[in-house]
C-alpha atoms as a PDB file:
ATOM      1  CA  MET A   1     -46.730  10.320  23.265  1.00  0.00           C
ATOM      2  CA  ARG A   2     -44.197  11.216  19.993  1.00  0.00           C
ATOM      3  CA  ASP A   3     -45.652  10.721  16.874  1.00  0.00           C
ATOM      4  CA  LYS A   4     -43.498   9.298  13.820  1.00  0.00           C
ATOM      5  CA  SER A   5     -42.555  12.029  12.334  1.00  0.00           C
ATOM      6  CA  GLN A   6     -40.744  13.213  15.788  1.00  0.00           C
ATOM      7  CA  VAL A   7     -39.064   9.963  16.319  1.00  0.00           C
ATOM      8  CA  GLN A   8     -37.671  10.811  12.302  1.00  0.00           C
ATOM      9  CA  LYS A   9     -36.357  13.562  13.490  1.00  0.00           C
ATOM     10  CA  LEU A  10     -34.498  12.877  16.953  1.00  0.00           C
ATOM     11  CA  PHE A  11     -32.891  10.011  15.481  1.00  0.00           C
ATOM     12  CA  LEU A  12     -31.799  11.199  11.495  1.00  0.00           C
ATOM     13  CA  PRO A  13     -28.985  12.916  12.503  1.00  0.00           C
ATOM     14  CA  GLN A  14     -27.715  10.273  13.992  1.00  0.00           C
ATOM     15  CA  TYR A  15     -28.367   7.839  11.277  1.00  0.00           C
ATOM     16  CA  LEU A  16     -26.951  10.446   9.178  1.00  0.00           C
ATOM     17  CA  ALA A  17     -23.885  10.313  11.557  1.00  0.00           C
ATOM     18  CA  MET A  18     -23.211   7.092  11.563  1.00  0.00           C
ATOM     19  CA  VAL A  19     -23.078   6.254   7.597  1.00  0.00           C
ATOM     20  CA  LEU A  20     -20.779   9.524   7.352  1.00  0.00           C
ATOM     21  CA  ILE A  21     -18.476   8.095   9.925  1.00  0.00           C
ATOM     22  CA  ALA A  22     -18.764   4.171   8.074  1.00  0.00           C
ATOM     23  CA  LEU A  23     -17.915   6.302   4.341  1.00  0.00           C
ATOM     24  CA  SER A  24     -14.845   8.087   6.267  1.00  0.00           C
ATOM     25  CA  LEU A  25     -12.951   5.419   7.729  1.00  0.00           C
ATOM     26  CA  GLY A  26     -14.012   3.157   4.086  1.00  0.00           C
ATOM     27  CA  ALA A  27     -11.895   6.122   2.398  1.00  0.00           C
ATOM     28  CA  CYS A  28      -8.736   6.024   4.588  1.00  0.00           C
ATOM     29  CA  THR A  29      -7.585   2.289   3.896  1.00  0.00           C
ATOM     30  CA  SER A  30      -5.992   1.528   0.941  1.00  0.00           C
ATOM     31  CA  THR A  31      -3.676  -1.708  -0.382  1.00  0.00           C
ATOM     32  CA  VAL A  32      -0.304  -1.404  -2.060  1.00  0.00           C
ATOM     33  CA  ASN A  33       0.095  -4.283  -4.917  1.00  0.00           C
ATOM     34  CA  GLN A  34       3.787  -4.953  -4.204  1.00  0.00           C
ATOM     35  CA  ASP A  35       3.112  -7.587  -7.475  1.00  0.00           C
ATOM     36  CA  LYS A  36       2.898  -4.087  -9.820  1.00  0.00           C
ATOM     37  CA  ALA A  37       6.275  -3.107  -8.210  1.00  0.00           C
ATOM     38  CA  PHE A  38       8.320  -6.094  -8.234  1.00  0.00           C
ATOM     39  CA  ASP A  39       7.051  -5.587 -12.299  1.00  0.00           C
ATOM     40  CA  GLY A  40       8.934  -2.497 -12.393  1.00  0.00           C
ATOM     41  CA  VAL A  41      12.600  -4.440 -11.218  1.00  0.00           C
ATOM     42  CA  ARG A  42      11.609  -7.032 -13.858  1.00  0.00           C
ATOM     43  CA  THR A  43      11.230  -3.734 -16.308  1.00  0.00           C
ATOM     44  CA  ALA A  44      13.792  -2.233 -15.414  1.00  0.00           C
ATOM     45  CA  LEU A  45      16.187  -5.333 -15.754  1.00  0.00           C
ATOM     46  CA  GLY A  46      15.007  -5.674 -18.982  1.00  0.00           C
ATOM     47  CA  ASP A  47      17.004  -8.337 -20.625  1.00  0.00           C
ATOM     48  CA  ARG A  48      19.726  -7.966 -19.307  1.00  0.00           C
ATOM     49  CA  ALA A  49      20.336 -10.681 -16.612  1.00  0.00           C
ATOM     50  CA  GLY A  50      18.315 -12.936 -18.995  1.00  0.00           C
ATOM     51  CA  HIS A  51      17.096 -15.232 -16.139  1.00  0.00           C
ATOM     52  CA  ASP A  52      14.257 -15.459 -13.398  1.00  0.00           C
ATOM     53  CA  VAL A  53      14.331 -13.642 -10.568  1.00  0.00           C
ATOM     54  CA  SER A  54      10.972 -14.038  -8.202  1.00  0.00           C
ATOM     55  CA  TRP A  55      10.888 -12.347  -5.051  1.00  0.00           C
ATOM     56  CA  ARG A  56      10.061 -14.836  -1.646  1.00  0.00           C
ATOM     57  CA  ARG A  57       7.656 -12.922   0.431  1.00  0.00           C
ATOM     58  CA  ASP A  58       5.309 -16.160   1.261  1.00  0.00           C
ATOM     59  CA  PRO A  59       4.995 -19.485   1.470  1.00  0.00           C
ATOM     60  CA  ALA A  60       3.463 -19.871  -2.090  1.00  0.00           C
ATOM     61  CA  THR A  61       6.342 -18.375  -3.214  1.00  0.00           C
ATOM     62  CA  ASP A  62       8.704 -19.883  -1.383  1.00  0.00           C
ATOM     63  CA  THR A  63       7.495 -23.705  -1.885  1.00  0.00           C
ATOM     64  CA  ALA A  64       6.953 -22.504  -5.714  1.00  0.00           C
ATOM     65  CA  VAL A  65      10.556 -21.188  -5.945  1.00  0.00           C
ATOM     66  CA  ALA A  66      11.784 -23.987  -3.880  1.00  0.00           C
ATOM     67  CA  ALA A  67      10.543 -26.917  -6.261  1.00  0.00           C
ATOM     68  CA  GLN A  68      12.038 -24.647  -8.935  1.00  0.00           C
ATOM     69  CA  VAL A  69      15.587 -24.573  -8.073  1.00  0.00           C
ATOM     70  CA  ASP A  70      14.917 -28.678  -7.028  1.00  0.00           C
ATOM     71  CA  ALA A  71      13.954 -29.169 -10.748  1.00  0.00           C
ATOM     72  CA  VAL A  72      17.654 -27.294 -11.761  1.00  0.00           C
ATOM     73  CA  LEU A  73      19.370 -28.965  -9.181  1.00  0.00           C
ATOM     74  CA  LYS A  74      18.056 -32.733  -9.824  1.00  0.00           C
ATOM     75  CA  SER A  75      20.254 -32.056 -13.036  1.00  0.00           C
ATOM     76  CA  GLU A  76      24.227 -31.095 -14.329  1.00  0.00           C
ATOM     77  CA  LEU A  77      24.889 -28.033 -12.827  1.00  0.00           C
ATOM     78  CA  SER A  78      26.394 -25.605 -15.572  1.00  0.00           C
ATOM     79  CA  ILE A  79      27.424 -21.869 -14.936  1.00  0.00           C
ATOM     80  CA  GLU A  80      23.792 -20.626 -16.724  1.00  0.00           C
ATOM     81  CA  SER A  81      21.695 -23.344 -14.056  1.00  0.00           C
ATOM     82  CA  ALA A  82      24.050 -21.800 -10.993  1.00  0.00           C
ATOM     83  CA  VAL A  83      23.906 -18.131 -12.068  1.00  0.00           C
ATOM     84  CA  GLN A  84      19.736 -19.085 -11.680  1.00  0.00           C
ATOM     85  CA  VAL A  85      19.853 -21.093  -8.380  1.00  0.00           C
ATOM     86  CA  ALA A  86      21.911 -17.805  -7.117  1.00  0.00           C
ATOM     87  CA  LEU A  87      19.672 -15.656  -8.077  1.00  0.00           C
ATOM     88  CA  LEU A  88      16.427 -17.922  -6.641  1.00  0.00           C
ATOM     89  CA  ASN A  89      18.032 -18.497  -3.393  1.00  0.00           C
ATOM     90  CA  ASN A  90      20.170 -15.220  -2.544  1.00  0.00           C
ATOM     91  CA  ARG A  91      19.377 -13.786   0.245  1.00  0.00           C
ATOM     92  CA  SER A  92      20.768 -10.159  -0.358  1.00  0.00           C
ATOM     93  CA  LEU A  93      18.856 -10.471  -3.115  1.00  0.00           C
ATOM     94  CA  GLN A  94      15.408 -10.496  -1.385  1.00  0.00           C
ATOM     95  CA  ALA A  95      16.458  -7.888   1.244  1.00  0.00           C
ATOM     96  CA  LYS A  96      17.172  -5.623  -1.773  1.00  0.00           C
ATOM     97  CA  TYR A  97      13.623  -6.651  -3.262  1.00  0.00           C
ATOM     98  CA  ALA A  98      12.294  -6.083   0.133  1.00  0.00           C
ATOM     99  CA  GLU A  99      13.887  -2.692  -0.073  1.00  0.00           C
ATOM    100  CA  VAL A 100      11.472  -1.787  -3.523  1.00  0.00           C
ATOM    101  CA  GLY A 101       7.717  -3.266  -1.547  1.00  0.00           C
ATOM    102  CA  ILE A 102       9.017  -0.649   1.050  1.00  0.00           C
ATOM    103  CA  ALA A 103       9.924   2.375  -1.398  1.00  0.00           C
ATOM    104  CA  ASN A 104       6.108   1.497  -3.259  1.00  0.00           C
ATOM    105  CA  ALA A 105       4.175   2.096   0.149  1.00  0.00           C
ATOM    106  CA  ASP A 106       6.105   5.220   0.622  1.00  0.00           C
ATOM    107  CA  LEU A 107       5.744   6.192  -3.335  1.00  0.00           C
ATOM    108  CA  VAL A 108       1.814   5.143  -1.725  1.00  0.00           C
ATOM    109  CA  GLN A 109       1.902   6.629   1.216  1.00  0.00           C
ATOM    110  CA  ALA A 110       3.233   9.848  -0.427  1.00  0.00           C
ATOM    111  CA  GLY A 111      -0.203  10.024  -2.537  1.00  0.00           C
ATOM    112  CA  LEU A 112      -2.210  10.115   0.445  1.00  0.00           C
ATOM    113  CA  LEU A 113      -3.778  12.450   2.025  1.00  0.00           C
ATOM    114  CA  SER A 114      -3.645  12.342   5.878  1.00  0.00           C
ATOM    115  CA  ASN A 115      -7.167  11.448   7.591  1.00  0.00           C
ATOM    116  CA  PRO A 116      -9.933  14.256   8.218  1.00  0.00           C
ATOM    117  CA  VAL A 117     -10.883  15.012  11.040  1.00  0.00           C
ATOM    118  CA  LEU A 118     -14.879  14.643  11.921  1.00  0.00           C
ATOM    119  CA  ASP A 119     -16.154  16.961  15.187  1.00  0.00           C
ATOM    120  CA  VAL A 120     -19.203  16.081  16.875  1.00  0.00           C
ATOM    121  CA  MET A 121     -21.146  18.609  18.893  1.00  0.00           C
ATOM    122  CA  ALA A 122     -24.681  17.905  20.721  1.00  0.00           C
ATOM    123  CA  ARG A 123     -26.391  20.699  22.360  1.00  0.00           C
ATOM    124  CA  PRO A 124     -29.129  20.819  24.498  1.00  0.00           C
ATOM    125  CA  THR A 125     -31.988  22.489  24.248  1.00  0.00           C
ATOM    126  CA  THR A 126     -33.802  24.549  26.583  1.00  0.00           C
ATOM    127  CA  LYS A 127     -37.279  22.666  26.117  1.00  0.00           C
ATOM    128  CA  PRO A 128     -37.085  19.497  27.377  1.00  0.00           C
ATOM    129  CA  ALA A 129     -39.287  18.173  23.954  1.00  0.00           C
ATOM    130  CA  GLU A 130     -37.111  18.687  21.335  1.00  0.00           C
ATOM    131  CA  ALA A 131     -33.752  16.359  21.175  1.00  0.00           C
ATOM    132  CA  ALA A 132     -30.034  17.736  21.335  1.00  0.00           C
ATOM    133  CA  ILE A 133     -29.282  19.649  18.684  1.00  0.00           C
ATOM    134  CA  LEU A 134     -26.231  17.958  16.701  1.00  0.00           C
ATOM    135  CA  GLU A 135     -23.620  19.881  15.002  1.00  0.00           C
ATOM    136  CA  PHE A 136     -20.897  18.494  12.315  1.00  0.00           C
ATOM    137  CA  GLY A 137     -17.798  19.405  11.121  1.00  0.00           C
ATOM    138  CA  LEU A 138     -15.246  18.096   8.434  1.00  0.00           C
ATOM    139  CA  ALA A 139     -11.578  19.376   8.528  1.00  0.00           C
ATOM    140  CA  GLN A 140      -8.485  18.888   6.103  1.00  0.00           C
ATOM    141  CA  SER A 141      -5.231  20.320   6.411  1.00  0.00           C
ATOM    142  CA  VAL A 142      -4.713  22.469   3.489  1.00  0.00           C
ATOM    143  CA  LEU A 143      -1.018  22.203   3.719  1.00  0.00           C
ATOM    144  CA  ASP A 144      -1.486  18.692   3.472  1.00  0.00           C
ATOM    145  CA  ILE A 145      -3.167  19.023  -0.303  1.00  0.00           C
ATOM    146  CA  LEU A 146      -0.911  21.270  -1.390  1.00  0.00           C
ATOM    147  CA  MET A 147       2.301  19.178  -0.737  1.00  0.00           C
ATOM    148  CA  ARG A 148       1.196  16.117  -1.966  1.00  0.00           C
ATOM    149  CA  PRO A 149       2.315  16.439  -5.345  1.00  0.00           C
ATOM    150  CA  ALA A 150       5.807  17.439  -4.601  1.00  0.00           C
ATOM    151  CA  ARG A 151       5.456  14.098  -1.635  1.00  0.00           C
ATOM    152  CA  GLN A 152       4.177  11.947  -5.083  1.00  0.00           C
ATOM    153  CA  LYS A 153       7.707  13.390  -7.098  1.00  0.00           C
ATOM    154  CA  ALA A 154      10.100  12.637  -4.479  1.00  0.00           C
ATOM    155  CA  ALA A 155       8.421   9.396  -4.007  1.00  0.00           C
ATOM    156  CA  LYS A 156       8.598   8.541  -7.568  1.00  0.00           C
ATOM    157  CA  ALA A 157      12.179   9.385  -7.787  1.00  0.00           C
ATOM    158  CA  GLU A 158      12.822   7.518  -4.676  1.00  0.00           C
ATOM    159  CA  PHE A 159      11.262   4.324  -5.837  1.00  0.00           C
ATOM    160  CA  ASP A 160      12.843   4.360  -9.576  1.00  0.00           C
ATOM    161  CA  LYS A 161      16.295   4.942  -7.688  1.00  0.00           C
ATOM    162  CA  THR A 162      15.642   2.009  -5.543  1.00  0.00           C
ATOM    163  CA  THR A 163      14.101   0.058  -8.600  1.00  0.00           C
ATOM    164  CA  ALA A 164      17.511   1.020 -10.426  1.00  0.00           C
ATOM    165  CA  ASP A 165      20.081  -0.237  -7.576  1.00  0.00           C
ATOM    166  CA  VAL A 166      17.387  -3.484  -7.422  1.00  0.00           C
ATOM    167  CA  ALA A 167      18.023  -3.873 -11.191  1.00  0.00           C
ATOM    168  CA  ALA A 168      22.173  -3.504 -10.278  1.00  0.00           C
ATOM    169  CA  ALA A 169      22.386  -5.958  -7.992  1.00  0.00           C
ATOM    170  CA  ILE A 170      20.728  -8.468  -9.833  1.00  0.00           C
ATOM    171  CA  VAL A 171      22.809  -7.813 -12.525  1.00  0.00           C
ATOM    172  CA  THR A 172      25.959  -7.978 -10.773  1.00  0.00           C
ATOM    173  CA  THR A 173      24.921 -11.333  -9.029  1.00  0.00           C
ATOM    174  CA  VAL A 174      25.067 -12.284 -12.436  1.00  0.00           C
ATOM    175  CA  GLY A 175      28.169 -11.507 -13.470  1.00  0.00           C
END
């Protein structure tokens, strides 16, 4: 019969491995804030358009924009209200807004490192009373770490270009 300290010695490496795996899986996730990216379009647009723009990417936004369009269309249609409806319902502009979302996701992806590789090896021992020896290794690509700033700079330039293109498309639609 094994005493409590022997049992703890047997299972401690296994618990440690599970904790390391859980931490590494949690660290490898990232979310992309698309609202912040679209705020960049509004900032680039500034006061040039003079109208509200909205990216319709979920049912709640669709409902809110549809209600806003209905409210505008209930009154007499002026040039300003026609431009507002065109900005809210223009499908090609909505596609351009999606390009901003894609460029933003690329920017976030450029800042991420590739997942590290966790290596676990169990070596049997010659003594039957002892547990297997567990060896752990963690590896990360050095080139990936060194290239990260260059990837981020290129992705930021592409994001800024896409944002400017979308702002120009909005101004063209207003014109």
